[in-house]
């Protein structure tokens, strides 16, 4: 029945003279999302994105793909009426109601949008006249302009469109309209959700994972690759940098107080992530940290890790409860992957009694014990990073 979709957006409409940039980006993201499903035609027109579907397309697959595109507020399956003269409009809308609603014992309201201002009828005129036509054709219908069961929307443009279903989209901003960031991606629950959340604000991403063979397995690495693939459904294609962190961790373990291990290792992860981010043209780092969730995420600990960074560190989950994070992970289908029992390098080297209020001056002093080799080891870790294209 539906050979086209009308895509609505919300926040983009507030962008003033720059709105066309966001509209173009949304159109391109929709094209990217649908290209693997067939030869869809995607265009923009006066506050809307239109998708015209090829013969034999899969309706459910198409809707699911569109529901993963940030920037869309709602997805409306539409019937296209070729003529905009009243006879064509009346017949097209009536045929739509007949096909869409075999049982027509409900209340309705007609809503109209007249994008073509040369059209002889105003929007209120279209609503009143179309409502009367529908009542004549289907006497069982009843009008309720305040709280109708069904809202039948007619949009008159170069062609006319009729629809009554609004499928919620993700909202947010089209990916790529707000720069690029480097996500520190582990195998846990939080960091994939952080990547999803920052992408919702229009930020494209690369990701870095710190691998510690043989203490972490190839299956742990594959788990992170799987998580990156799941995030890329929303965030788009990304590079995943896999950094071999074993030698650095063992060196820190050997030279530094064990209660400081987590903080010092985290500081070197941030240093390496920032170096990779600079090479990739990123404007910031993204982590899945939430205040107080673990010892490395107290205010004191976050200040200690922030100190080594010159670019901003964005923490979309900073005030989230774990329950909130889990709910999002379940919704975006990363949760089941995240809870697979394969440890990442952060959990292998956790001290029994980690410091929760690190003194930055003491941490700096401890790091001086690494001076003989650490710079060389960091360079080697960056140089030998494995890069996997995701999405």
Protein backbone atom coordinates (compact mmCIF):
# COMPACT_ATOMS: atom_id res chain seq x y z
CA UNK A 1 0.00 0.00 0.00
CA UNK A 2 2.74 2.46 0.94
CA UNK A 3 5.21 3.41 -1.77
CA UNK A 4 6.67 6.40 0.05
CA UNK A 5 7.59 7.76 3.47
CA UNK A 6 7.43 11.32 4.68
CA UNK A 7 10.20 12.02 7.22
CA UNK A 8 9.61 14.73 9.82
CA UNK A 9 12.26 16.42 11.91
CA UNK A 10 11.97 18.69 14.95
CA UNK A 11 15.14 20.34 16.28
CA UNK A 12 16.58 20.93 12.82
CA UNK A 13 13.68 23.27 12.15
CA UNK A 14 15.12 25.73 14.70
CA UNK A 15 18.43 26.18 12.91
CA UNK A 16 17.60 29.39 11.03
CA UNK A 17 19.81 30.24 8.06
CA UNK A 18 21.92 27.11 8.60
CA UNK A 19 18.95 24.77 8.46
CA UNK A 20 19.70 23.60 4.93
CA UNK A 21 23.03 22.15 6.11
CA UNK A 22 21.24 19.97 8.65
CA UNK A 23 18.53 19.02 6.17
CA UNK A 24 21.17 17.97 3.63
CA UNK A 25 22.95 15.93 6.30
CA UNK A 26 19.70 14.21 7.31
CA UNK A 27 18.88 13.43 3.68
CA UNK A 28 22.35 11.90 3.26
CA UNK A 29 22.04 9.85 6.47
CA UNK A 30 18.68 8.50 5.28
CA UNK A 31 20.25 7.55 1.92
CA UNK A 32 23.09 5.77 3.72
CA UNK A 33 20.67 3.86 5.96
CA UNK A 34 18.59 2.62 3.03
CA UNK A 35 21.23 1.94 0.38
CA UNK A 36 21.71 -1.69 1.39
CA UNK A 37 17.94 -2.30 1.12
CA UNK A 38 17.37 -1.18 -2.45
CA UNK A 39 17.21 1.73 -4.88
CA UNK A 40 15.31 4.25 -2.76
CA UNK A 41 14.93 7.84 -3.93
CA UNK A 42 15.49 10.38 -1.12
CA UNK A 43 14.78 14.10 -1.55
CA UNK A 44 14.01 17.15 0.57
CA UNK A 45 11.20 19.62 0.15
CA UNK A 46 10.07 22.47 2.44
CA UNK A 47 10.58 21.07 5.91
CA UNK A 48 10.29 17.41 4.95
CA UNK A 49 12.43 14.56 3.67
CA UNK A 50 10.67 12.24 1.21
CA UNK A 51 11.57 8.62 0.55
CA UNK A 52 10.17 6.94 -2.54
CA UNK A 53 10.40 3.16 -2.44
CA UNK A 54 11.33 0.70 -5.19
CA UNK A 55 9.11 -2.16 -6.32
CA UNK A 56 9.16 -5.12 -3.96
CA UNK A 57 10.81 -3.29 -1.04
CA UNK A 58 10.46 -4.68 2.48
CA UNK A 59 8.28 -2.34 4.55
CA UNK A 60 9.38 -3.61 7.99
CA UNK A 61 13.10 -3.54 7.13
CA UNK A 62 12.77 -0.03 5.76
CA UNK A 63 11.03 1.27 8.87
CA UNK A 64 13.62 -0.38 11.14
CA UNK A 65 16.46 1.23 9.15
CA UNK A 66 14.82 4.67 9.39
CA UNK A 67 14.29 4.21 13.14
CA UNK A 68 18.10 4.08 13.53
CA UNK A 69 18.70 7.50 11.92
CA UNK A 70 19.32 10.39 14.31
CA UNK A 71 17.53 13.59 13.37
CA UNK A 72 14.19 11.98 12.52
CA UNK A 73 11.30 12.87 14.82
CA UNK A 74 8.71 10.71 13.05
CA UNK A 75 8.31 8.42 10.07
CA UNK A 76 5.02 8.64 8.18
CA UNK A 77 4.08 5.96 5.62
CA UNK A 78 2.21 7.93 2.95
CA UNK A 79 0.00 7.33 -0.05
CA UNK A 80 0.88 9.63 -2.93
CA UNK A 81 -2.00 11.24 -4.83
CA UNK A 82 -0.78 12.26 -8.27
CA UNK A 83 -3.26 15.08 -8.85
CA UNK A 84 -3.89 18.03 -6.55
CA UNK A 85 -7.27 19.02 -8.04
CA UNK A 86 -10.12 18.51 -5.62
CA UNK A 87 -11.64 15.46 -7.33
CA UNK A 88 -8.29 13.64 -7.20
CA UNK A 89 -7.74 14.71 -3.60
CA UNK A 90 -11.21 13.62 -2.46
CA UNK A 91 -10.96 10.23 -4.16
CA UNK A 92 -7.38 9.62 -3.00
CA UNK A 93 -8.07 10.41 0.65
CA UNK A 94 -11.32 8.42 0.63
CA UNK A 95 -9.63 5.39 -0.95
CA UNK A 96 -6.85 5.65 1.67
CA UNK A 97 -9.35 5.59 4.55
CA UNK A 98 -11.22 2.67 3.00
CA UNK A 99 -8.08 0.58 2.52
CA UNK A 100 -6.45 1.54 5.82
CA UNK A 101 -9.46 1.13 8.10
CA UNK A 102 -11.86 -1.70 7.22
CA UNK A 103 -13.73 -1.00 10.48
CA UNK A 104 -14.51 2.69 10.38
CA UNK A 105 -16.38 3.06 13.66
CA UNK A 106 -14.04 5.67 15.09
CA UNK A 107 -13.68 9.41 15.55
CA UNK A 108 -11.43 11.37 13.24
CA UNK A 109 -10.04 14.78 12.44
CA UNK A 110 -8.60 16.02 9.14
CA UNK A 111 -5.39 18.05 9.36
CA UNK A 112 -3.96 19.80 6.31
CA UNK A 113 -0.67 21.40 5.34
CA UNK A 114 -0.70 23.54 2.20
CA UNK A 115 2.96 23.90 1.20
CA UNK A 116 1.87 25.16 -2.24
CA UNK A 117 0.56 28.61 -1.31
CA UNK A 118 -0.93 29.01 -4.81
CA UNK A 119 -3.38 26.24 -4.09
CA UNK A 120 -6.91 27.73 -4.21
CA UNK A 121 -8.03 26.35 -0.84
CA UNK A 122 -6.49 27.30 2.51
CA UNK A 123 -5.52 24.64 5.04
CA UNK A 124 -8.68 25.20 7.16
CA UNK A 125 -10.78 25.01 3.98
CA UNK A 126 -9.18 21.68 3.03
CA UNK A 127 -9.84 20.29 6.52
CA UNK A 128 -13.51 21.32 6.54
CA UNK A 129 -14.28 20.24 3.00
CA UNK A 130 -12.41 16.91 3.25
CA UNK A 131 -14.08 16.11 6.57
CA UNK A 132 -17.49 16.63 4.98
CA UNK A 133 -16.54 14.42 2.01
CA UNK A 134 -15.40 11.60 4.30
CA UNK A 135 -18.62 11.79 6.33
CA UNK A 136 -20.68 11.50 3.16
CA UNK A 137 -18.70 8.49 1.94
CA UNK A 138 -18.45 6.79 5.34
CA UNK A 139 -21.48 7.71 7.52
CA UNK A 140 -20.19 5.51 10.35
CA UNK A 141 -17.32 7.97 10.98
CA UNK A 142 -17.67 10.68 13.62
CA UNK A 143 -15.77 13.95 13.91
CA UNK A 144 -13.85 14.85 17.08
CA UNK A 145 -11.52 17.81 16.60
CA UNK A 146 -10.21 17.71 20.18
CA UNK A 147 -9.32 14.08 20.87
CA UNK A 148 -9.85 11.99 17.73
CA UNK A 149 -9.04 8.30 17.44
CA UNK A 150 -7.42 8.94 14.04
CA UNK A 151 -5.80 12.07 12.61
CA UNK A 152 -5.90 12.02 8.81
CA UNK A 153 -3.28 14.38 7.45
CA UNK A 154 -3.28 15.78 3.92
CA UNK A 155 -0.24 17.64 2.61
CA UNK A 156 -0.55 19.50 -0.68
CA UNK A 157 2.72 20.12 -2.48
CA UNK A 158 3.60 19.49 -6.13
CA UNK A 159 1.77 16.28 -5.39
CA UNK A 160 -0.57 15.46 -2.52
CA UNK A 161 0.18 13.06 0.30
CA UNK A 162 -2.16 11.44 2.82
CA UNK A 163 -1.15 9.64 6.01
CA UNK A 164 -2.46 8.83 9.48
CA UNK A 165 0.42 6.93 11.09
CA UNK A 166 3.37 8.62 12.82
CA UNK A 167 6.10 6.16 13.79
CA UNK A 168 8.41 7.76 16.41
CA UNK A 169 12.01 8.37 15.33
CA UNK A 170 15.11 8.80 17.48
CA UNK A 171 15.15 12.60 17.42
CA UNK A 172 18.48 14.32 17.96
CA UNK A 173 20.71 15.69 15.21
CA UNK A 174 22.03 14.05 12.02
CA UNK A 175 25.38 12.36 12.61
CA UNK A 176 28.27 14.43 11.29
CA UNK A 177 26.74 17.86 11.87
CA UNK A 178 28.63 18.45 15.13
CA UNK A 179 32.17 17.26 14.43
CA UNK A 180 33.91 14.04 15.35
CA UNK A 181 35.08 12.47 18.62
CA UNK A 182 37.10 9.46 19.78
CA UNK A 183 35.16 6.96 21.91
CA UNK A 184 37.05 4.89 24.49
CA UNK A 185 35.19 1.63 23.92
CA UNK A 186 35.44 -1.26 26.35
CA UNK A 187 33.48 -4.48 26.48
CA UNK A 188 31.21 -3.17 29.25
CA UNK A 189 27.68 -1.80 29.30
CA UNK A 190 28.46 1.90 29.62
CA UNK A 191 30.79 2.95 26.81
CA UNK A 192 28.56 1.70 23.92
CA UNK A 193 25.67 3.68 25.42
CA UNK A 194 27.91 6.76 25.70
CA UNK A 195 28.77 6.38 22.01
CA UNK A 196 25.08 6.15 21.13
CA UNK A 197 24.24 9.21 23.24
CA UNK A 198 26.98 11.44 21.82
CA UNK A 199 26.04 10.41 18.28
CA UNK A 200 22.47 11.49 18.98
CA UNK A 201 23.81 15.04 19.22
CA UNK A 202 25.21 14.84 15.69
CA UNK A 203 28.76 13.77 16.56
CA UNK A 204 30.44 11.21 14.32
CA UNK A 205 32.90 8.83 15.96
CA UNK A 206 36.01 6.76 15.82
CA UNK A 207 36.67 4.29 18.65
CA UNK A 208 39.65 2.88 20.52
CA UNK A 209 39.84 -0.37 22.47
CA UNK A 210 42.73 -1.32 24.76
CA UNK A 211 43.53 -5.01 24.41
CA UNK A 212 45.81 -6.94 26.79
CA UNK A 213 46.69 -10.37 25.39
CA UNK A 214 47.11 -12.99 26.80
CA UNK A 215 45.23 -11.62 29.82
CA UNK A 216 42.30 -10.75 27.59
CA UNK A 217 41.21 -13.24 24.97
CA UNK A 218 40.51 -12.93 21.27
CA UNK A 219 36.88 -13.47 22.19
CA UNK A 220 37.01 -10.33 24.36
CA UNK A 221 38.36 -8.44 21.35
CA UNK A 222 35.61 -9.85 19.11
CA UNK A 223 33.04 -8.77 21.68
CA UNK A 224 34.21 -5.16 21.32
CA UNK A 225 34.16 -5.43 17.52
CA UNK A 226 30.57 -6.67 17.80
CA UNK A 227 29.67 -3.74 20.05
CA UNK A 228 31.23 -1.28 17.61
CA UNK A 229 29.15 -2.83 14.81
CA UNK A 230 25.99 -2.49 16.88
CA UNK A 231 26.73 1.19 17.63
CA UNK A 232 27.51 1.90 13.98
CA UNK A 233 23.86 1.13 13.12
CA UNK A 234 23.16 4.50 14.73
CA UNK A 235 26.49 6.33 14.56
CA UNK A 236 27.45 5.36 11.02
CA UNK A 237 30.76 3.92 9.79
CA UNK A 238 33.74 4.27 12.11
CA UNK A 239 37.32 3.13 12.56
CA UNK A 240 38.05 0.92 15.55
CA UNK A 241 41.64 1.21 16.81
CA UNK A 242 42.78 -1.82 18.80
CA UNK A 243 45.76 -0.89 20.95
CA UNK A 244 47.93 -3.60 22.49
CA UNK A 245 48.21 -2.36 26.07
CA UNK A 246 49.79 -5.40 27.73
CA UNK A 247 53.37 -4.19 28.02
CA UNK A 248 52.31 -0.79 29.34
CA UNK A 249 50.06 -2.38 31.95
CA UNK A 250 52.74 -4.79 33.12
CA UNK A 251 55.28 -1.97 33.32
CA UNK A 252 52.92 0.17 35.43
CA UNK A 253 52.12 -2.90 37.56
CA UNK A 254 55.82 -3.44 38.18
CA UNK A 255 56.79 0.17 38.91
CA UNK A 256 53.81 1.89 40.58
CA UNK A 257 51.87 1.42 43.85
CA UNK A 258 49.13 -1.10 43.24
CA UNK A 259 46.38 1.03 44.76
CA UNK A 260 47.15 3.59 42.03
CA UNK A 261 47.18 1.13 39.13
CA UNK A 262 43.70 1.87 37.81
CA UNK A 263 44.22 5.64 37.78
CA UNK A 264 47.67 5.54 36.18
CA UNK A 265 46.60 3.00 33.56
CA UNK A 266 43.55 5.12 32.82
CA UNK A 267 45.74 8.22 32.43
CA UNK A 268 47.86 6.42 29.82
CA UNK A 269 44.76 5.23 28.00
CA UNK A 270 43.59 8.83 27.81
CA UNK A 271 46.99 9.97 26.53
CA UNK A 272 47.00 7.34 23.79
CA UNK A 273 43.35 7.96 22.88
CA UNK A 274 44.07 11.68 22.55
CA UNK A 275 47.04 11.03 20.26
CA UNK A 276 44.86 8.87 18.01
CA UNK A 277 42.07 11.45 18.17
CA UNK A 278 44.41 14.21 17.00
CA UNK A 279 45.54 12.08 14.05
CA UNK A 280 41.91 11.46 13.05
CA UNK A 281 40.79 15.08 13.31
CA UNK A 282 38.61 14.50 16.38
CA UNK A 283 37.57 17.39 18.61
CA UNK A 284 37.23 15.48 21.87
CA UNK A 285 37.25 12.18 23.72
CA UNK A 286 34.10 10.32 24.83
CA UNK A 287 33.91 7.92 27.78
CA UNK A 288 31.14 5.98 29.51
CA UNK A 289 32.01 7.22 32.99
CA UNK A 290 29.32 8.03 35.56
CA UNK A 291 30.17 9.79 38.83
CA UNK A 292 30.77 7.37 41.68
CA UNK A 293 29.99 4.19 39.78
CA UNK A 294 33.43 2.65 40.47
CA UNK A 295 36.68 3.78 42.13
CA UNK A 296 38.07 5.24 38.90
CA UNK A 297 34.94 7.38 38.47
CA UNK A 298 34.87 9.44 41.66
CA UNK A 299 35.21 13.19 41.20
CA UNK A 300 38.83 12.97 42.39
CA UNK A 301 39.60 10.14 39.96
CA UNK A 302 37.98 11.90 37.01
CA UNK A 303 40.00 15.02 37.78
CA UNK A 304 43.18 12.91 37.80
CA UNK A 305 42.44 11.38 34.39
CA UNK A 306 41.28 14.67 32.91
CA UNK A 307 44.56 16.30 33.85
CA UNK A 308 46.51 14.51 31.11
CA UNK A 309 44.16 15.61 28.32
CA UNK A 310 44.37 18.82 26.33
CA UNK A 311 41.18 18.21 24.35
CA UNK A 312 37.72 18.08 25.96
CA UNK A 313 36.47 14.84 27.50
CA UNK A 314 32.73 14.30 27.01
CA UNK A 315 30.87 12.02 29.42
CA UNK A 316 27.24 11.69 28.24
CA UNK A 317 26.37 9.34 31.14
CA UNK A 318 27.94 11.41 33.91
CA UNK A 319 24.77 11.69 36.04
CA UNK A 320 23.01 8.47 34.96
CA UNK A 321 22.13 5.66 37.35
CA UNK A 322 23.17 2.19 36.24
CA UNK A 323 19.50 1.30 35.77
CA UNK A 324 19.13 4.17 33.28
CA UNK A 325 22.19 3.03 31.34
CA UNK A 326 21.02 -0.59 31.23
CA UNK A 327 17.61 0.48 29.89
CA UNK A 328 19.24 2.30 26.98
CA UNK A 329 21.65 -0.60 26.35
CA UNK A 330 18.69 -2.98 26.13
CA UNK A 331 16.85 -0.64 23.77
CA UNK A 332 19.80 -0.29 21.38
CA UNK A 333 20.55 -4.02 21.64
CA UNK A 334 24.08 -3.77 23.05
CA UNK A 335 23.25 -5.13 26.51
CA UNK A 336 23.32 -8.86 25.69
CA UNK A 337 26.71 -8.46 23.99
CA UNK A 338 28.12 -6.34 26.83
CA UNK A 339 27.30 -8.91 29.52
CA UNK A 340 29.09 -11.75 27.75
CA UNK A 341 31.70 -13.07 30.26
CA UNK A 342 34.88 -11.93 28.51
CA UNK A 343 37.05 -9.59 30.60
CA UNK A 344 38.64 -6.42 29.25
CA UNK A 345 42.04 -5.09 30.25
CA UNK A 346 40.64 -2.71 32.88
CA UNK A 347 39.16 -5.52 34.98
CA UNK A 348 42.20 -7.83 34.82
CA UNK A 349 44.56 -5.45 36.64
CA UNK A 350 42.17 -3.97 39.22
CA UNK A 351 43.77 -3.54 42.65
CA UNK A 352 42.09 -5.07 45.67
CA UNK A 353 41.88 -1.67 47.38
CA UNK A 354 42.11 1.02 44.68
CA UNK A 355 42.54 4.63 45.74
CA UNK A 356 39.24 6.52 45.42
CA UNK A 357 40.54 10.01 46.18
CA UNK A 358 43.82 10.17 44.28
CA UNK A 359 46.09 13.13 44.92
CA UNK A 360 47.28 14.33 41.51
CA UNK A 361 50.65 15.36 42.94
CA UNK A 362 51.24 11.84 44.26
CA UNK A 363 50.09 10.28 40.99
CA UNK A 364 52.53 12.47 39.02
CA UNK A 365 55.31 11.42 41.39
CA UNK A 366 54.48 7.74 40.88
CA UNK A 367 54.49 8.20 37.09
CA UNK A 368 58.06 9.48 37.24
CA UNK A 369 59.08 5.89 38.02
CA UNK A 370 58.01 5.04 34.46
CA UNK A 371 60.20 7.67 32.79
CA UNK A 372 62.87 5.29 31.48
CA UNK A 373 60.60 3.45 29.02
CA UNK A 374 57.05 4.73 29.03
CA UNK A 375 57.29 7.23 26.16
CA UNK A 376 58.84 4.60 23.91
CA UNK A 377 56.17 2.08 24.89
CA UNK A 378 53.36 4.54 24.17
CA UNK A 379 54.83 5.27 20.72
CA UNK A 380 55.04 1.55 20.02
CA UNK A 381 51.46 0.96 21.12
CA UNK A 382 50.22 3.71 18.81
CA UNK A 383 52.40 2.59 15.91
CA UNK A 384 51.24 -1.03 16.10
CA UNK A 385 47.52 -0.29 16.58
CA UNK A 386 45.26 -2.49 14.52
CA UNK A 387 42.60 -0.56 12.61
CA UNK A 388 39.28 -2.17 11.69
CA UNK A 389 36.69 -0.44 9.52
CA UNK A 390 33.25 -0.84 11.06
CA UNK A 391 29.95 -0.32 9.24
